[in-house]
Amino acid sequence: MTSVEQDTDLTRMDFSNPKVLECPYPFYKSMREQAPAYFAERLGFWIITRYDDCLKAIRDPQVFSSKMGFRPGSVPDEVMRIYDEEGFGDLPDTLVSNDPPSHTRYRKLVDRAFTAGRVRQMEEYMVVVVRELIDNFIEDGRLSVMRDFAIPVPMYVIADQLGVPRSHRDKFKEWSDAAVAPLGLLLSDERKIECAKLAVEMQHYFVEVFADRRANPLDDMISDLVTKEIDGTPLSTLELLSILNQLLVAGNETTTSAIAASVVRLSQDPDLTELLAREPGKCDNFAEEILRHESPVQGLFRMTMADAEIAGVTIPKGSLVNLRYGSANRDERKYECPETFDVDRANASSHLAFGAGIHHCIGAQLARREIAIAVRELTARLKDIRLVEPERLTHAPSLILRALNGFEIQFSKR
């Protein structure tokens, strides 16, 4: 047991400490038991850690508003200059950082792209994507998991759906990382400036794509967006950029993290790997359980629009609140033996990894299928999966995401 696991004194909880972020679960447990609605003075916001309390807040957008955005901490003047002078300024609230009725209008535009029926129609196509990636490394006996599998699986899929070239994968990933990095609240000013430059670079790239699709529409998501209207008015360039940015991020970040965590789980449990190889139908529930157990999005913010009572504590109006999904998904009140990974867990799919309610992740169905297919195809063709230098396995420090840094595995072919 590490010192982080032993020290669960909430007065010493510091999410700016990489060791705490690497293993936050003991602190989550202490908060659920001692202070389920906890005000973190060092951070300046409330943390909600129990499942039912998080769900209550999610389902009450009138009190727990998303329109405040993510409050990405202090912003250097140079960042604002880059956005205003080199980019397109402040983008409007459309999806994640918006509330009804405005949110509802935008959401209807994009929901149709990710319906369960459409995702089912994509099943064979996603299998081909995964198998081709496995073909590229199967003879090597060794895999750089993030670079050559966990990142390209969802990135290829979302690039194909948007209608942009797969060959730009590395740039899309760089842009996506730059979009989410400031949300973690732990960046240096230098990195914030770098992220702003990358965000503006992405804006200019997609503005050109928008213009091309207006003139030459194709059967892809961007063509669909540029030709649609809200109340008889086409989406503006700023609205399109806002939506596109969120689709790009939602289409790959959490799925990449979950696939990578799945590979780690398989390396740690050879019996589970063999079970999934024998019974591939269990890969669907495996995907739900990895999402519950690892929670790629550890928490998202809300702003209270009125005094709110959570767990017997009054949270004042105007408070910043972090709904800690990573803790809710391990709440003992909801899940039996929550720290245990159980591929047969009956209620695994009730997790909050994708949020819930009106802000339930647009790409949740797509992500579930990508994870399940990735695990199914891996276990069908690989065995004896082993981490290379397991002691060096770490997560990128972030208050929002739980994403693994690059790592390698060795394996044998079946």
Protein backbone atom coordinates (compact mmCIF):
# COMPACT_ATOMS: atom_id res chain seq x y z
CA MET A 1 0.00 0.00 0.00
CA THR A 2 1.44 3.34 -1.02
CA SER A 3 1.62 6.44 1.16
CA VAL A 4 -1.13 8.02 -0.95
CA GLU A 5 -3.41 5.07 -0.21
CA GLN A 6 -2.67 5.34 3.50
CA ASP A 7 -3.08 9.12 3.79
CA THR A 8 -6.75 9.96 3.34
CA ASP A 9 -6.89 13.03 5.57
CA LEU A 10 -9.07 15.41 3.56
CA THR A 11 -7.18 18.42 4.89
CA ARG A 12 -4.17 17.14 2.95
CA MET A 13 -6.07 16.31 -0.22
CA ASP A 14 -4.41 18.27 -3.01
CA PHE A 15 -5.40 17.55 -6.60
CA SER A 16 -2.44 19.58 -7.81
CA ASN A 17 -0.27 16.77 -6.41
CA PRO A 18 0.42 14.24 -9.19
CA LYS A 19 0.58 11.41 -6.63
CA VAL A 20 -2.95 12.18 -5.50
CA LEU A 21 -4.21 12.33 -9.07
CA GLU A 22 -2.45 9.07 -9.89
CA CYS A 23 -4.51 7.31 -7.21
CA PRO A 24 -7.45 9.49 -6.10
CA TYR A 25 -9.73 6.66 -5.02
CA PRO A 26 -8.81 6.54 -1.32
CA PHE A 27 -9.61 10.26 -1.08
CA TYR A 28 -12.88 9.72 -2.93
CA LYS A 29 -13.83 7.04 -0.41
CA SER A 30 -13.03 9.36 2.50
CA MET A 31 -15.10 12.14 0.97
CA ARG A 32 -18.06 9.83 0.38
CA GLU A 33 -17.90 8.74 4.01
CA GLN A 34 -16.97 12.00 5.77
CA ALA A 35 -17.97 14.88 3.51
CA PRO A 36 -19.96 13.87 0.40
CA ALA A 37 -20.49 17.56 -0.37
CA TYR A 38 -16.99 18.85 0.27
CA PHE A 39 -15.68 22.39 -0.22
CA ALA A 40 -12.06 22.22 -1.34
CA GLU A 41 -10.63 25.53 -0.21
CA ARG A 42 -7.40 25.14 -2.16
CA LEU A 43 -9.37 24.68 -5.36
CA GLY A 44 -12.19 27.10 -4.66
CA PHE A 45 -15.04 24.74 -5.56
CA TRP A 46 -17.31 22.07 -4.11
CA ILE A 47 -16.81 18.37 -4.84
CA ILE A 48 -19.81 16.02 -4.92
CA THR A 49 -18.76 12.38 -4.59
CA ARG A 50 -21.79 10.12 -4.06
CA TYR A 51 -23.67 8.56 -6.98
CA ASP A 52 -27.20 9.67 -6.06
CA ASP A 53 -26.07 13.21 -5.29
CA CYS A 54 -24.26 13.54 -8.62
CA LEU A 55 -27.30 12.18 -10.45
CA LYS A 56 -29.57 14.62 -8.62
CA ALA A 57 -27.43 17.54 -9.75
CA ILE A 58 -27.16 16.30 -13.33
CA ARG A 59 -30.93 16.03 -13.58
CA ASP A 60 -31.54 19.57 -12.31
CA PRO A 61 -29.97 21.91 -14.90
CA GLN A 62 -32.05 24.84 -13.67
CA VAL A 63 -30.13 24.80 -10.38
CA PHE A 64 -26.90 23.14 -11.52
CA SER A 65 -26.14 25.04 -14.70
CA SER A 66 -23.64 24.01 -17.34
CA LYS A 67 -23.58 27.42 -18.97
CA MET A 68 -20.70 28.65 -16.84
CA GLY A 69 -18.35 26.59 -19.01
CA PHE A 70 -15.42 24.84 -17.39
CA ARG A 71 -13.81 27.83 -15.61
CA PRO A 72 -10.28 26.93 -16.78
CA GLY A 73 -8.49 28.92 -14.07
CA SER A 74 -6.39 31.99 -14.71
CA VAL A 75 -5.88 32.84 -18.38
CA PRO A 76 -2.75 34.70 -19.52
CA ASP A 77 -3.36 37.87 -21.53
CA GLU A 78 -1.44 36.30 -24.40
CA VAL A 79 -4.01 33.51 -24.63
CA MET A 80 -6.83 36.01 -25.03
CA ARG A 81 -4.82 37.94 -27.61
CA ILE A 82 -4.26 34.78 -29.65
CA TYR A 83 -7.98 33.95 -29.68
CA ASP A 84 -9.09 37.52 -30.42
CA GLU A 85 -6.46 38.54 -32.98
CA GLU A 86 -5.45 35.29 -34.62
CA GLY A 87 -8.58 33.24 -34.13
CA PHE A 88 -12.31 33.88 -33.97
CA GLY A 89 -12.69 35.18 -30.43
CA ASP A 90 -15.04 33.60 -27.91
CA LEU A 91 -17.04 30.72 -29.34
CA PRO A 92 -20.72 30.52 -28.34
CA ASP A 93 -22.11 28.03 -25.84
CA THR A 94 -23.70 25.23 -27.84
CA LEU A 95 -23.56 21.77 -26.27
CA VAL A 96 -21.50 20.89 -23.17
CA SER A 97 -21.45 24.40 -21.69
CA ASN A 98 -25.03 25.29 -22.44
CA ASP A 99 -28.51 24.98 -20.90
CA PRO A 100 -32.02 24.61 -22.34
CA PRO A 101 -33.67 25.89 -24.42
CA SER A 102 -30.60 26.89 -26.43
CA HIS A 103 -28.85 23.59 -25.69
CA THR A 104 -31.89 21.63 -26.87
CA ARG A 105 -31.86 23.22 -30.32
CA TYR A 106 -28.18 22.46 -30.89
CA ARG A 107 -28.44 18.98 -29.43
CA LYS A 108 -31.18 17.98 -31.86
CA LEU A 109 -28.86 18.80 -34.74
CA VAL A 110 -26.17 16.37 -33.68
CA ASP A 111 -28.12 13.61 -31.92
CA ARG A 112 -29.17 12.02 -35.20
CA ALA A 113 -25.53 11.36 -36.10
CA PHE A 114 -25.08 9.06 -33.09
CA THR A 115 -28.34 7.17 -32.81
CA ALA A 116 -28.21 3.54 -31.71
CA GLY A 117 -29.41 2.48 -35.14
CA ARG A 118 -26.69 4.36 -36.95
CA VAL A 119 -24.05 2.99 -34.60
CA ARG A 120 -25.29 -0.57 -35.27
CA GLN A 121 -24.94 0.09 -38.99
CA MET A 122 -21.30 1.08 -38.37
CA GLU A 123 -20.45 -2.19 -36.58
CA GLU A 124 -18.80 -3.98 -39.52
CA TYR A 125 -16.92 -0.83 -40.50
CA MET A 126 -15.51 -0.44 -36.95
CA VAL A 127 -14.45 -4.09 -36.91
CA VAL A 128 -12.49 -3.49 -40.12
CA VAL A 129 -10.78 -0.43 -38.58
CA VAL A 130 -9.72 -2.40 -35.49
CA ARG A 131 -8.60 -5.47 -37.41
CA GLU A 132 -6.47 -3.42 -39.78
CA LEU A 133 -4.71 -1.78 -36.84
CA ILE A 134 -4.07 -5.17 -35.22
CA ASP A 135 -2.73 -6.49 -38.53
CA ASN A 136 -0.13 -3.72 -38.44
CA PHE A 137 1.46 -4.95 -35.19
CA ILE A 138 0.39 -8.58 -34.70
CA GLU A 139 3.69 -9.99 -36.04
CA ASP A 140 5.83 -7.76 -33.82
CA GLY A 141 4.85 -9.27 -30.46
CA ARG A 142 5.08 -5.78 -29.02
CA LEU A 143 2.77 -2.76 -29.14
CA SER A 144 2.98 0.91 -28.24
CA VAL A 145 -0.61 0.92 -27.02
CA MET A 146 -1.46 4.60 -27.10
CA ARG A 147 0.31 5.48 -30.33
CA ASP A 148 -0.62 2.49 -32.45
CA PHE A 149 -4.00 1.36 -31.10
CA ALA A 150 -5.83 3.30 -28.39
CA ILE A 151 -5.49 6.65 -30.17
CA PRO A 152 -6.06 5.61 -33.79
CA VAL A 153 -9.17 3.45 -33.19
CA PRO A 154 -11.51 6.31 -32.20
CA MET A 155 -9.56 8.93 -34.14
CA TYR A 156 -9.97 7.07 -37.43
CA VAL A 157 -13.67 6.56 -36.75
CA ILE A 158 -14.43 10.18 -35.89
CA ALA A 159 -12.27 11.45 -38.77
CA ASP A 160 -14.21 9.24 -41.18
CA GLN A 161 -17.54 10.39 -39.76
CA LEU A 162 -16.59 14.06 -39.93
CA GLY A 163 -15.27 13.58 -43.46
CA VAL A 164 -11.65 14.60 -42.94
CA PRO A 165 -8.56 12.60 -43.95
CA ARG A 166 -7.21 9.91 -41.61
CA SER A 167 -3.74 11.02 -42.68
CA HIS A 168 -4.23 14.09 -40.49
CA ARG A 169 -4.67 11.86 -37.43
CA ASP A 170 -1.65 13.16 -35.53
CA LYS A 171 -2.72 16.75 -36.02
CA PHE A 172 -6.31 15.99 -34.96
CA LYS A 173 -5.01 14.33 -31.80
CA GLU A 174 -2.76 17.30 -31.07
CA TRP A 175 -5.73 19.66 -31.48
CA SER A 176 -7.97 17.47 -29.36
CA ASP A 177 -5.39 17.27 -26.58
CA ALA A 178 -4.98 21.06 -26.69
CA ALA A 179 -8.73 21.51 -26.38
CA VAL A 180 -9.05 19.42 -23.22
CA ALA A 181 -5.73 20.15 -21.51
CA PRO A 182 -6.78 23.54 -20.06
CA LEU A 183 -9.81 21.88 -18.46
CA GLY A 184 -7.50 19.98 -16.13
CA LEU A 185 -6.60 23.25 -14.35
CA LEU A 186 -2.94 22.25 -13.89
CA LEU A 187 -1.21 23.79 -16.90
CA SER A 188 1.69 26.19 -16.95
CA ASP A 189 1.12 29.52 -18.67
CA GLU A 190 3.45 28.37 -21.44
CA ARG A 191 1.31 25.31 -22.13
CA LYS A 192 -1.88 27.41 -22.05
CA ILE A 193 -0.42 29.66 -24.74
CA GLU A 194 0.64 26.64 -26.79
CA CYS A 195 -2.88 25.18 -26.50
CA ALA A 196 -4.40 28.47 -27.66
CA LYS A 197 -2.18 28.51 -30.74
CA LEU A 198 -3.21 24.95 -31.56
CA ALA A 199 -6.89 25.76 -31.03
CA VAL A 200 -6.66 28.65 -33.47
CA GLU A 201 -4.81 26.44 -35.96
CA MET A 202 -7.69 23.97 -35.76
CA GLN A 203 -10.22 26.75 -36.26
CA HIS A 204 -8.64 27.90 -39.49
CA TYR A 205 -8.37 24.34 -40.77
CA PHE A 206 -12.04 23.61 -40.25
CA VAL A 207 -13.25 26.97 -41.55
CA GLU A 208 -11.73 25.93 -44.88
CA VAL A 209 -13.45 22.55 -44.62
CA PHE A 210 -16.79 24.27 -43.91
CA ALA A 211 -16.43 26.39 -47.04
CA ASP A 212 -15.58 23.35 -49.14
CA ARG A 213 -18.57 21.36 -47.84
CA ARG A 214 -20.98 24.22 -48.51
CA ALA A 215 -19.81 24.24 -52.12
CA ASN A 216 -19.36 20.47 -52.44
CA PRO A 217 -21.44 18.63 -49.83
CA LEU A 218 -20.61 14.98 -49.14
CA ASP A 219 -22.20 12.23 -47.06
CA ASP A 220 -20.46 13.20 -43.84
CA MET A 221 -21.16 14.92 -40.56
CA ILE A 222 -19.65 18.30 -41.47
CA SER A 223 -21.71 18.50 -44.67
CA ASP A 224 -24.78 17.75 -42.57
CA LEU A 225 -23.96 20.52 -40.10
CA VAL A 226 -23.19 23.24 -42.64
CA THR A 227 -26.46 22.63 -44.48
CA LYS A 228 -28.72 22.52 -41.41
CA GLU A 229 -30.65 25.46 -39.94
CA ILE A 230 -31.91 26.49 -36.52
CA ASP A 231 -35.17 28.46 -36.67
CA GLY A 232 -34.61 29.02 -40.38
CA THR A 233 -31.05 30.30 -39.97
CA PRO A 234 -27.91 28.36 -40.95
CA LEU A 235 -25.32 27.82 -38.24
CA SER A 236 -22.73 30.57 -38.09
CA THR A 237 -19.02 29.85 -38.44
CA LEU A 238 -18.59 30.38 -34.69
CA GLU A 239 -21.42 27.95 -33.89
CA LEU A 240 -19.97 25.38 -36.27
CA LEU A 241 -16.53 25.72 -34.70
CA SER A 242 -17.97 25.30 -31.21
CA ILE A 243 -19.89 22.15 -32.15
CA LEU A 244 -17.05 20.70 -34.20
CA ASN A 245 -14.55 21.20 -31.39
CA GLN A 246 -16.76 19.25 -29.01
CA LEU A 247 -17.47 16.47 -31.51
CA LEU A 248 -13.76 16.00 -32.16
CA VAL A 249 -12.96 15.81 -28.46
CA ALA A 250 -15.98 13.68 -27.51
CA GLY A 251 -15.25 11.39 -30.43
CA ASN A 252 -11.86 10.28 -29.23
CA GLU A 253 -10.56 11.38 -25.81
CA THR A 254 -12.65 9.23 -23.49
CA THR A 255 -12.64 6.26 -25.86
CA THR A 256 -8.86 6.34 -26.16
CA SER A 257 -8.55 6.37 -22.37
CA ALA A 258 -11.00 3.50 -21.93
CA ILE A 259 -9.33 1.33 -24.59
CA ALA A 260 -5.92 1.93 -23.01
CA ALA A 261 -7.28 1.10 -19.55
CA SER A 262 -8.81 -2.06 -21.03
CA VAL A 263 -5.42 -3.22 -22.30
CA VAL A 264 -3.91 -2.62 -18.86
CA ARG A 265 -6.73 -4.63 -17.27
CA LEU A 266 -6.15 -7.53 -19.68
CA SER A 267 -2.42 -7.50 -18.90
CA GLN A 268 -3.19 -7.70 -15.19
CA ASP A 269 -5.70 -10.54 -15.47
CA PRO A 270 -4.73 -13.35 -17.88
CA ASP A 271 -7.74 -15.41 -16.81
CA LEU A 272 -10.04 -12.58 -17.84
CA THR A 273 -8.30 -12.37 -21.21
CA GLU A 274 -8.92 -16.06 -21.76
CA LEU A 275 -12.52 -15.78 -20.61
CA LEU A 276 -13.23 -13.02 -23.14
CA ALA A 277 -11.53 -15.05 -25.88
CA ARG A 278 -13.86 -17.97 -25.10
CA GLU A 279 -16.95 -15.84 -24.52
CA PRO A 280 -16.66 -12.70 -26.69
CA GLY A 281 -20.23 -11.74 -25.85
CA LYS A 282 -18.95 -10.63 -22.44
CA CYS A 283 -16.95 -7.83 -24.09
CA ASP A 284 -20.02 -5.58 -24.09
CA ASN A 285 -20.29 -5.68 -20.31
CA PHE A 286 -16.51 -5.48 -20.02
CA ALA A 287 -16.76 -2.11 -21.79
CA GLU A 288 -19.35 -0.91 -19.28
CA GLU A 289 -17.28 -2.09 -16.33
CA ILE A 290 -14.07 -0.46 -17.56
CA LEU A 291 -15.97 2.80 -18.00
CA ARG A 292 -17.32 2.48 -14.45
CA HIS A 293 -14.07 1.38 -12.88
CA GLU A 294 -11.72 3.81 -14.62
CA SER A 295 -14.09 6.73 -15.49
CA PRO A 296 -12.15 8.48 -18.30
CA VAL A 297 -13.95 11.70 -17.34
CA GLN A 298 -13.38 11.97 -13.61
CA GLY A 299 -15.67 14.95 -13.14
CA LEU A 300 -17.35 17.95 -14.77
CA PHE A 301 -18.35 21.35 -13.46
CA ARG A 302 -21.65 23.05 -12.79
CA MET A 303 -22.59 26.45 -11.37
CA THR A 304 -25.39 26.71 -8.82
CA MET A 305 -28.09 29.17 -9.90
CA ALA A 306 -29.78 28.98 -6.47
CA ASP A 307 -28.95 27.61 -3.03
CA ALA A 308 -28.87 23.82 -3.29
CA GLU A 309 -28.95 21.15 -0.61
CA ILE A 310 -26.74 18.12 -1.21
CA ALA A 311 -26.13 15.45 1.44
CA GLY A 312 -27.55 17.72 4.13
CA VAL A 313 -25.24 20.61 3.20
CA THR A 314 -26.37 23.88 1.67
CA ILE A 315 -24.28 24.89 -1.33
CA PRO A 316 -24.74 28.64 -1.87
CA LYS A 317 -25.97 30.17 -5.10
CA GLY A 318 -23.10 31.07 -7.42
CA SER A 319 -20.89 28.18 -6.27
CA LEU A 320 -18.68 26.21 -8.63
CA VAL A 321 -19.41 22.49 -8.19
CA ASN A 322 -17.46 19.52 -9.49
CA LEU A 323 -19.58 16.40 -9.96
CA ARG A 324 -17.01 13.69 -9.36
CA TYR A 325 -18.03 10.84 -11.65
CA GLY A 326 -14.89 8.90 -10.81
CA SER A 327 -16.07 8.71 -7.22
CA ALA A 328 -19.77 8.20 -7.97
CA ASN A 329 -18.90 5.18 -10.10
CA ARG A 330 -17.23 3.57 -7.09
CA ASP A 331 -19.91 4.45 -4.56
CA GLU A 332 -20.55 1.55 -2.19
CA ARG A 333 -24.20 2.59 -1.96
CA LYS A 334 -24.62 1.86 -5.68
CA TYR A 335 -22.11 -0.90 -6.43
CA GLU A 336 -21.22 -3.99 -4.44
CA CYS A 337 -17.46 -4.24 -3.90
CA PRO A 338 -16.93 -1.21 -6.16
CA GLU A 339 -13.13 -1.38 -6.16
CA THR A 340 -13.30 -4.84 -7.74
CA PHE A 341 -13.39 -5.13 -11.51
CA ASP A 342 -16.25 -7.54 -12.23
CA VAL A 343 -16.93 -8.34 -15.88
CA ASP A 344 -20.25 -9.88 -14.88
CA ARG A 345 -21.44 -6.92 -12.79
CA ALA A 346 -25.20 -6.69 -13.38
CA ASN A 347 -25.52 -2.93 -13.03
CA ALA A 348 -22.25 -1.88 -14.66
CA SER A 349 -24.05 0.10 -17.37
CA SER A 350 -25.61 2.42 -14.78
CA HIS A 351 -22.28 4.26 -14.48
CA LEU A 352 -22.01 8.00 -14.95
CA ALA A 353 -18.92 7.88 -17.17
CA PHE A 354 -20.94 9.58 -19.90
CA GLY A 355 -22.95 11.79 -17.57
CA ALA A 356 -26.74 11.54 -17.71
CA GLY A 357 -29.84 13.51 -18.60
CA ILE A 358 -29.75 16.23 -21.21
CA HIS A 359 -25.95 16.30 -21.22
CA HIS A 360 -25.50 12.54 -21.63
CA CYS A 361 -22.50 12.20 -23.94
CA ILE A 362 -23.54 12.45 -27.59
CA GLY A 363 -21.11 9.76 -28.65
CA ALA A 364 -21.77 7.33 -25.79
CA GLN A 365 -23.22 4.57 -27.98
CA LEU A 366 -20.37 4.89 -30.46
CA ALA A 367 -17.76 4.83 -27.69
CA ARG A 368 -19.28 1.72 -26.12
CA ARG A 369 -19.11 -0.16 -29.41
CA GLU A 370 -15.54 0.98 -30.14
CA ILE A 371 -14.35 -0.22 -26.72
CA ALA A 372 -16.19 -3.55 -26.92
CA ILE A 373 -14.99 -4.24 -30.46
CA ALA A 374 -11.41 -3.29 -29.60
CA VAL A 375 -11.38 -5.67 -26.62
CA ARG A 376 -13.13 -8.45 -28.53
CA GLU A 377 -10.69 -8.30 -31.44
CA LEU A 378 -7.63 -8.03 -29.19
CA THR A 379 -8.56 -11.03 -27.05
CA ALA A 380 -9.43 -13.05 -30.15
CA ARG A 381 -5.90 -12.65 -31.54
CA LEU A 382 -3.58 -11.88 -28.59
CA LYS A 383 -2.70 -13.84 -25.46
CA ASP A 384 -0.12 -13.60 -22.69
CA ILE A 385 -0.46 -9.81 -22.70
CA ARG A 386 2.25 -8.29 -20.51
CA LEU A 387 3.13 -4.72 -19.61
CA VAL A 388 6.61 -3.55 -20.51
CA GLU A 389 8.04 -1.74 -17.48
CA PRO A 390 4.76 -1.80 -15.49
CA GLU A 391 6.34 0.34 -12.76
CA ARG A 392 6.41 3.24 -15.22
CA LEU A 393 2.67 3.15 -15.96
CA THR A 394 1.27 6.60 -15.13
CA HIS A 395 -1.66 8.90 -15.86
CA ALA A 396 -1.44 12.43 -17.20
CA PRO A 397 -2.17 14.89 -14.35
CA SER A 398 -5.62 16.42 -14.85
CA LEU A 399 -8.58 17.28 -12.66
CA ILE A 400 -10.97 16.31 -15.43
CA LEU A 401 -9.58 13.36 -17.39
CA ARG A 402 -8.00 10.07 -16.38
CA ALA A 403 -5.75 9.36 -19.33
CA LEU A 404 -2.79 7.03 -19.41
CA ASN A 405 0.58 8.18 -20.66
CA GLY A 406 2.24 6.12 -23.37
CA PHE A 407 3.09 2.51 -22.52
CA GLU A 408 3.99 -0.74 -24.27
CA ILE A 409 2.90 -4.35 -24.04
CA GLN A 410 4.35 -7.63 -25.20
CA PHE A 411 2.14 -10.53 -26.25
CA SER A 412 1.88 -13.82 -28.06
CA LYS A 413 -0.34 -14.59 -31.05
CA ARG A 414 -3.15 -17.10 -30.69
